[in-house]
Protein backbone atom coordinates (compact mmCIF):
# COMPACT_ATOMS: atom_id res chain seq x y z
CA MET A 1 61.59 15.13 -20.98
CA ARG A 2 64.38 14.37 -18.56
CA ASP A 3 66.27 11.05 -18.97
CA ALA A 4 63.13 9.35 -20.20
CA ARG A 5 62.39 8.62 -23.82
CA PHE A 6 59.60 6.26 -24.63
CA SER A 7 57.33 5.33 -27.46
CA ARG A 8 53.98 3.64 -27.77
CA ARG A 9 55.91 0.45 -28.51
CA ASP A 10 57.83 0.83 -25.23
CA MET A 11 54.59 1.25 -23.31
CA LEU A 12 53.00 -1.82 -24.82
CA TRP A 13 56.12 -3.84 -24.00
CA ALA A 14 56.24 -2.58 -20.43
CA GLY A 15 53.03 -4.14 -19.18
CA SER A 16 49.58 -5.38 -19.97
CA ALA A 17 48.71 -4.58 -23.56
CA LEU A 18 45.04 -4.27 -22.61
CA ALA A 19 45.59 -1.83 -19.77
CA VAL A 20 48.20 0.25 -21.55
CA GLY A 21 46.32 0.27 -24.81
CA ALA A 22 43.36 1.79 -23.01
CA ALA A 23 45.30 5.01 -22.57
CA PHE A 24 45.84 5.33 -26.31
CA ALA A 25 42.96 3.59 -28.06
CA ALA A 26 39.70 4.98 -29.34
CA PRO A 27 36.67 4.21 -27.16
CA LEU A 28 35.08 0.79 -27.57
CA LYS A 29 31.39 0.10 -27.88
CA SER A 30 30.98 -2.94 -25.66
CA ALA A 31 30.62 -2.72 -21.88
CA ASP A 32 32.13 -5.45 -19.71
CA ALA A 33 30.57 -4.77 -16.34
CA GLU A 34 28.38 -6.29 -13.70
CA PRO A 35 24.61 -6.33 -14.21
CA ARG A 36 23.04 -2.96 -13.53
CA GLY A 37 19.99 -4.24 -11.75
CA ALA A 38 16.40 -4.83 -12.73
CA GLY A 39 14.96 -2.66 -15.46
CA PRO A 40 16.65 -0.23 -17.84
CA GLU A 41 18.38 2.84 -16.48
CA PRO A 42 17.95 6.22 -18.19
CA THR A 43 20.67 7.42 -20.55
CA SER A 44 20.19 11.07 -19.61
CA TRP A 45 18.29 12.96 -16.95
CA MET A 46 18.07 16.14 -14.90
CA ASP A 47 18.57 16.50 -11.16
CA PRO A 48 15.82 18.62 -9.55
CA ALA A 49 18.30 19.76 -6.89
CA MET A 50 20.70 21.04 -9.60
CA PRO A 51 18.49 21.68 -12.66
CA GLU A 52 21.30 23.35 -14.63
CA VAL A 53 23.34 20.13 -14.56
CA THR A 54 22.74 17.47 -17.22
CA HIS A 55 23.41 13.84 -16.30
CA ARG A 56 24.03 11.13 -18.86
CA MET A 57 25.74 7.82 -19.50
CA VAL A 58 28.69 7.88 -21.90
CA GLU A 59 30.38 4.87 -23.51
CA THR A 60 34.16 4.97 -23.28
CA ASN A 61 36.99 2.45 -23.20
CA GLY A 62 34.64 -0.53 -23.07
CA ILE A 63 32.52 0.70 -20.14
CA ARG A 64 29.85 3.31 -19.42
CA LEU A 65 30.64 6.32 -17.28
CA HIS A 66 28.07 8.52 -15.64
CA VAL A 67 28.87 12.21 -16.17
CA ALA A 68 27.43 15.44 -14.82
CA GLU A 69 27.80 18.34 -17.24
CA GLN A 70 27.19 22.08 -17.19
CA GLY A 71 28.11 24.96 -19.47
CA GLU A 72 29.42 25.54 -22.98
CA GLY A 73 32.89 26.40 -24.18
CA PRO A 74 36.36 24.87 -23.78
CA LEU A 75 36.13 21.46 -22.12
CA ILE A 76 37.43 20.73 -18.62
CA ILE A 77 37.19 17.22 -17.13
CA LEU A 78 36.87 17.05 -13.32
CA CYS A 79 38.06 13.79 -11.71
CA HIS A 80 36.93 13.17 -8.14
CA GLY A 81 38.82 11.44 -5.33
CA PHE A 82 38.19 8.69 -2.79
CA PRO A 83 35.67 8.22 -1.25
CA GLU A 84 33.77 10.72 -3.35
CA CYS A 85 31.89 10.96 -6.66
CA TRP A 86 30.98 13.60 -9.24
CA TYR A 87 29.15 15.53 -6.51
CA SER A 88 32.42 16.69 -4.94
CA TRP A 89 32.61 19.18 -7.85
CA ARG A 90 29.09 20.56 -7.25
CA HIS A 91 30.45 24.07 -6.58
CA GLN A 92 32.86 24.17 -9.53
CA LEU A 93 30.35 23.00 -12.15
CA PRO A 94 28.25 26.20 -12.04
CA ALA A 95 31.26 28.45 -11.43
CA LEU A 96 33.11 27.12 -14.48
CA ALA A 97 29.96 27.21 -16.60
CA LYS A 98 29.33 30.83 -15.68
CA ALA A 99 32.93 31.65 -16.62
CA GLY A 100 32.41 30.23 -20.12
CA PHE A 101 33.64 26.67 -19.84
CA ARG A 102 32.09 23.25 -20.43
CA ALA A 103 32.60 21.41 -17.13
CA VAL A 104 32.16 17.63 -17.05
CA ALA A 105 32.47 15.62 -13.83
CA PRO A 106 32.41 11.84 -14.33
CA ASP A 107 31.98 9.13 -11.74
CA LEU A 108 35.20 7.15 -12.14
CA ARG A 109 34.87 3.46 -12.98
CA GLY A 110 33.51 1.58 -9.97
CA TYR A 111 31.83 4.65 -8.49
CA GLY A 112 28.20 5.79 -8.42
CA ARG A 113 26.27 5.04 -11.59
CA SER A 114 29.36 4.23 -13.67
CA ASP A 115 30.04 0.63 -14.62
CA ARG A 116 31.78 -1.61 -12.10
CA PRO A 117 33.92 -4.30 -13.78
CA GLU A 118 34.12 -7.52 -11.79
CA GLU A 119 37.86 -8.10 -12.10
CA VAL A 120 40.03 -6.22 -9.60
CA GLY A 121 42.73 -6.08 -12.28
CA LYS A 122 40.56 -3.72 -14.34
CA TYR A 123 41.09 -0.84 -11.92
CA THR A 124 44.67 0.19 -12.67
CA ILE A 125 45.56 3.84 -13.18
CA LEU A 126 45.94 3.13 -16.90
CA HIS A 127 42.35 1.91 -17.12
CA ASP A 128 41.25 5.23 -15.61
CA ILE A 129 43.45 7.17 -18.03
CA GLY A 130 41.92 5.23 -20.92
CA ASP A 131 38.44 6.07 -19.62
CA ILE A 132 39.20 9.79 -19.56
CA VAL A 133 40.87 9.85 -22.99
CA GLY A 134 37.87 8.01 -24.41
CA LEU A 135 35.53 10.40 -22.62
CA VAL A 136 37.05 13.37 -24.45
CA ASP A 137 36.42 11.51 -27.72
CA ALA A 138 32.87 10.64 -26.71
CA LEU A 139 32.18 14.28 -25.86
CA GLY A 140 33.23 15.28 -29.35
CA ALA A 141 36.25 17.31 -28.27
CA LYS A 142 39.80 17.29 -29.64
CA GLN A 143 41.37 18.63 -26.46
CA ALA A 144 40.49 19.31 -22.83
CA VAL A 145 41.94 20.52 -19.57
CA ILE A 146 42.00 17.81 -16.90
CA ALA A 147 41.56 18.52 -13.20
CA GLY A 148 41.59 16.08 -10.32
CA HIS A 149 41.43 15.78 -6.56
CA ASP A 150 43.01 13.00 -4.47
CA VAL A 151 42.96 9.79 -6.59
CA GLY A 152 41.59 11.97 -9.38
CA ALA A 153 44.70 14.17 -9.15
CA ALA A 154 46.98 11.14 -9.53
CA ILE A 155 45.00 10.18 -12.62
CA ALA A 156 45.09 13.75 -13.93
CA TRP A 157 48.87 14.07 -13.52
CA GLN A 158 49.62 10.85 -15.39
CA THR A 159 47.01 11.57 -18.07
CA ALA A 160 48.70 14.93 -18.68
CA LEU A 161 52.06 13.18 -18.88
CA LEU A 162 50.92 10.46 -21.30
CA ARG A 163 48.64 12.49 -23.56
CA PRO A 164 49.77 16.11 -23.92
CA ASP A 165 48.28 15.92 -27.41
CA ARG A 166 44.78 15.62 -25.91
CA PHE A 167 45.14 17.65 -22.70
CA ARG A 168 46.38 21.20 -22.88
CA ALA A 169 46.71 21.80 -19.13
CA VAL A 170 46.31 20.05 -15.78
CA ILE A 171 45.00 21.12 -12.38
CA ALA A 172 45.78 18.97 -9.33
CA LEU A 173 44.27 19.31 -5.87
CA SER A 174 46.00 17.66 -2.87
CA PRO A 175 48.50 15.07 -4.25
CA PRO A 176 51.58 16.55 -5.95
CA PHE A 177 53.11 15.12 -9.09
CA ARG A 178 55.07 11.93 -8.46
CA SER A 179 57.07 10.10 -11.08
CA ARG A 180 55.42 6.83 -12.14
CA GLY A 181 52.35 7.96 -10.21
CA PHE A 182 53.62 6.57 -6.91
CA GLY A 183 57.33 7.51 -6.82
CA ASP A 184 60.46 5.99 -8.31
CA SER A 185 62.06 4.33 -5.29
CA GLY A 186 60.48 0.87 -5.53
CA PRO A 187 57.16 -1.01 -5.38
CA PRO A 188 55.01 1.46 -3.43
CA THR A 189 53.53 -0.95 -0.91
CA THR A 190 56.99 -2.18 0.12
CA LEU A 191 57.99 1.35 1.11
CA MET A 192 54.88 2.36 3.04
CA PRO A 193 55.32 2.70 6.81
CA ARG A 194 53.87 0.06 9.11
CA THR A 195 54.11 -0.83 12.78
CA GLU A 196 52.76 -3.65 14.92
CA ASN A 197 49.45 -1.85 15.40
CA ALA A 198 49.16 0.53 12.45
CA VAL A 199 49.77 0.74 8.70
CA PHE A 200 49.88 3.49 6.10
CA TYR A 201 46.35 4.32 4.95
CA GLN A 202 46.96 3.06 1.39
CA LEU A 203 47.84 -0.36 2.79
CA PHE A 204 44.77 -0.37 5.01
CA LEU A 205 42.52 0.45 2.06
CA GLN A 206 43.62 -2.77 0.34
CA THR A 207 42.30 -4.97 3.15
CA PRO A 208 38.94 -6.75 3.56
CA GLU A 209 38.60 -4.88 6.87
CA ALA A 210 38.50 -1.58 5.00
CA GLU A 211 35.70 -2.67 2.71
CA ALA A 212 33.66 -4.14 5.55
CA GLY A 213 34.25 -1.25 7.94
CA LEU A 214 33.60 1.59 5.50
CA GLY A 215 30.45 -0.03 4.15
CA ARG A 216 28.89 -0.98 7.49
CA ASP A 217 27.35 2.43 8.28
CA LEU A 218 27.62 4.77 5.31
CA ARG A 219 26.35 7.87 7.09
CA LEU A 220 28.87 7.38 9.89
CA THR A 221 31.64 6.77 7.34
CA PHE A 222 31.05 10.00 5.47
CA ARG A 223 30.40 12.13 8.53
CA TYR A 224 33.64 10.84 10.04
CA GLN A 225 35.73 11.21 6.87
CA PHE A 226 34.58 14.70 6.01
CA TYR A 227 35.15 15.94 9.56
CA THR A 228 38.34 14.15 10.54
CA LEU A 229 40.26 14.88 7.34
CA SER A 230 39.08 18.49 7.11
CA GLY A 231 40.76 21.65 8.30
CA ASP A 232 37.95 22.04 10.86
CA ARG A 233 39.18 19.23 13.12
CA PRO A 234 40.97 20.23 16.33
CA PRO A 235 44.77 20.23 16.01
CA SER A 236 45.00 17.17 18.26
CA ALA A 237 42.39 15.16 16.36
CA GLY A 238 43.51 12.23 14.23
CA VAL A 239 43.02 8.55 13.74
CA GLY A 240 43.63 7.03 17.17
CA GLY A 241 46.38 9.52 17.93
CA LEU A 242 48.50 8.10 15.08
CA PRO A 243 50.79 10.15 12.80
CA PRO A 244 49.31 11.58 9.56
CA GLY A 245 48.44 8.87 7.07
CA MET A 246 48.52 5.97 9.54
CA MET A 247 45.54 3.73 10.32
CA PRO A 248 44.89 1.06 12.97
CA ARG A 249 45.44 -2.40 11.48
CA LYS A 250 42.13 -3.74 12.75
CA GLY A 251 39.99 -0.75 11.86
CA GLY A 252 37.29 0.21 14.34
CA PHE A 253 38.38 3.85 14.28
CA LEU A 254 35.16 5.47 13.01
CA THR A 255 33.55 7.86 15.47
CA ASP A 256 30.59 10.14 14.79
CA PRO A 257 31.44 13.86 15.09
CA ALA A 258 29.11 15.99 17.16
CA SER A 259 28.51 18.27 14.16
CA LEU A 260 29.54 18.70 10.54
CA PRO A 261 31.80 21.47 9.25
CA ALA A 262 29.97 24.48 7.83
CA TRP A 263 30.96 23.62 4.25
CA ILE A 264 29.00 20.34 4.16
CA THR A 265 25.39 19.61 5.10
CA GLU A 266 23.37 16.55 6.02
CA ALA A 267 21.75 16.86 2.57
CA ASP A 268 25.23 16.57 1.02
CA ILE A 269 25.88 13.48 3.14
CA ASP A 270 22.59 12.06 1.82
CA VAL A 271 23.98 12.22 -1.73
CA TYR A 272 27.15 10.34 -0.84
CA VAL A 273 25.20 7.72 1.11
CA ALA A 274 22.87 7.19 -1.86
CA GLU A 275 25.74 6.85 -4.33
CA TYR A 276 27.67 4.36 -2.20
CA THR A 277 24.50 2.43 -1.44
CA ARG A 278 24.34 2.00 -5.20
CA SER A 279 28.01 1.18 -5.87
CA GLY A 280 29.49 -0.13 -2.64
CA PHE A 281 33.20 0.18 -1.90
CA ARG A 282 34.54 -2.75 -3.91
CA GLY A 283 35.25 -0.76 -7.09
CA PRO A 284 36.66 2.32 -5.32
CA LEU A 285 38.94 0.17 -3.16
CA ALA A 286 40.11 -1.88 -6.17
CA TRP A 287 42.15 1.13 -7.29
CA TRP A 288 44.22 0.91 -4.11
CA ARG A 289 44.67 -2.82 -4.63
CA ASN A 290 46.37 -2.03 -7.96
CA ILE A 291 48.94 0.46 -6.70
CA ASP A 292 51.97 -1.78 -7.28
CA ARG A 293 50.56 -2.89 -10.64
CA GLY A 294 50.08 0.72 -11.71
CA TRP A 295 53.65 1.51 -10.68
CA GLU A 296 54.91 -1.40 -12.78
CA LEU A 297 52.89 -0.31 -15.83
CA LEU A 298 54.27 3.23 -15.62
CA ALA A 299 57.91 2.08 -15.52
CA PRO A 300 58.77 3.63 -18.93
CA LEU A 301 57.73 7.03 -17.55
CA ALA A 302 60.32 7.18 -14.77
CA GLY A 303 61.79 10.68 -14.75
CA ALA A 304 59.46 11.94 -17.48
CA GLU A 305 58.29 15.55 -17.40
CA VAL A 306 54.76 16.93 -17.55
CA THR A 307 55.21 19.37 -20.42
CA ILE A 308 51.86 21.19 -20.32
CA PRO A 309 50.88 24.11 -18.02
CA ALA A 310 49.96 22.97 -14.52
CA LEU A 311 48.32 24.36 -11.39
CA TYR A 312 48.68 22.76 -7.95
CA VAL A 313 46.38 23.62 -5.02
CA ALA A 314 46.33 22.05 -1.55
CA GLY A 315 45.19 22.78 1.98
CA GLU A 316 47.80 23.65 4.57
CA ARG A 317 46.09 21.18 6.93
CA ASP A 318 45.72 18.41 4.35
CA PHE A 319 47.25 15.18 5.64
CA VAL A 320 48.24 14.26 2.06
CA ALA A 321 50.23 17.50 1.79
CA ALA A 322 51.93 16.61 5.09
CA VAL A 323 52.78 13.06 4.02
CA PHE A 324 54.11 14.11 0.61
CA SER A 325 55.65 17.47 1.56
CA GLN A 326 59.00 16.53 0.00
CA ASP A 327 57.30 15.73 -3.30
CA ILE A 328 55.51 19.09 -3.22
CA ALA A 329 58.84 20.88 -2.74
CA LYS A 330 60.50 19.19 -5.71
CA GLN A 331 57.64 18.60 -8.17
CA SER A 332 58.50 21.66 -10.28
CA ALA A 333 61.67 19.84 -11.42
CA LEU A 334 59.45 17.45 -13.38
CA VAL A 335 56.67 19.95 -14.10
CA PRO A 336 58.53 22.87 -15.70
CA LYS A 337 55.35 24.81 -16.55
CA LEU A 338 53.96 24.54 -13.00
CA ARG A 339 52.47 27.81 -11.77
CA PRO A 340 53.28 28.93 -8.19
CA PRO A 341 51.53 26.41 -5.89
CA ILE A 342 48.54 27.65 -3.92
CA MET A 343 48.42 26.51 -0.27
CA LEU A 344 45.09 27.34 1.37
CA PRO A 345 45.34 28.35 5.05
CA GLY A 346 43.19 26.29 7.41
CA CYS A 347 42.03 23.96 4.64
CA GLY A 348 42.16 20.20 5.04
CA HIS A 349 41.93 17.39 2.51
CA TRP A 350 38.58 18.15 0.83
CA THR A 351 40.02 21.07 -1.13
CA GLN A 352 37.31 22.05 -3.61
CA GLN A 353 34.54 21.46 -1.08
CA GLU A 354 36.14 23.18 1.92
CA ARG A 355 37.28 26.24 -0.03
CA ALA A 356 34.91 26.26 -2.98
CA PRO A 357 35.12 30.01 -3.88
CA GLU A 358 38.92 30.14 -3.61
CA VAL A 359 39.41 26.96 -5.64
CA SER A 360 36.93 27.99 -8.33
CA THR A 361 38.58 31.40 -8.64
CA ALA A 362 42.04 29.85 -8.90
CA MET A 363 40.88 27.36 -11.52
CA ILE A 364 39.13 29.99 -13.64
CA GLY A 365 42.11 32.35 -13.45
CA PHE A 366 44.43 29.57 -14.56
CA LEU A 367 42.13 28.48 -17.39
CA ARG A 368 41.80 32.04 -18.70
CA SER A 369 45.57 32.42 -18.70
CA LEU A 370 46.13 29.52 -21.07
């Protein structure tokens, strides 16, 4: 670890004892979440569209997470991004199972069927880390490999950093490793670009306009997101002609593409619409509203190294890779066991969906090499 020595005592001193403790504690039995609606929900079930996948509710870290599971063997946890759900790993679940692994894709807290705590303050990155550590316990495993895409990659990186005793390797898709999760330079939101008419997307996602706009027409939202942020968009396409990562302050940017990319179907869109009809955007957006808080809580980890083996995969046309290109170039300094990064030609932001065979092959090759 480079210039960073910390203990559990340091972590508890650094921030909220509840949030930080979640990353270290055993799973709790109570669930502090909003009502789940009329009538009991099932604790396990099968999906007729994917009969090999088992769905169930798992208690961890004081909440219940919905997980989709397939296969037997060494455990790998698959953390989705925003605005997604477990279904974004639909191609990797069977591929990993066939290769001899136990693949488990949870809905993160606030998403899909997982519990949705009322308090915005219960959506820090350390709450998510606590959920995943507790999930490994609940699944009866001593160790796992953690993989993540987008927000899930940020969670995976910091989980690997905090708990190398429980996670033997990490796979990150799209965001590179960044010290303290969001960089060392200062409170993240104070450093994000903004102009009179536009702001960095992470700032926009903290606004009431984002929640209202994204939730107004769910089919339009997902058709737009999956097309515009993919590698299939024309080179000139973007959000209102703005630079990568920038959004109009007042929203109103959603336009319906004439057609979907070949890698996603209307039936896939149906799944996302159903899941967000269930959960809404409040929980998913709460994560973005805790960016500065997460950065504060991770202060003792400034300059700390990820000591376990790591694989990084991104699309060459991913706007996140463009925005954080400098971090990609220097991440190996803090991830000494990082394998050569894989940059997928023509691929946009939705890495494991756009290039499912390539990503699955890379993941399986990495897992077998451990």
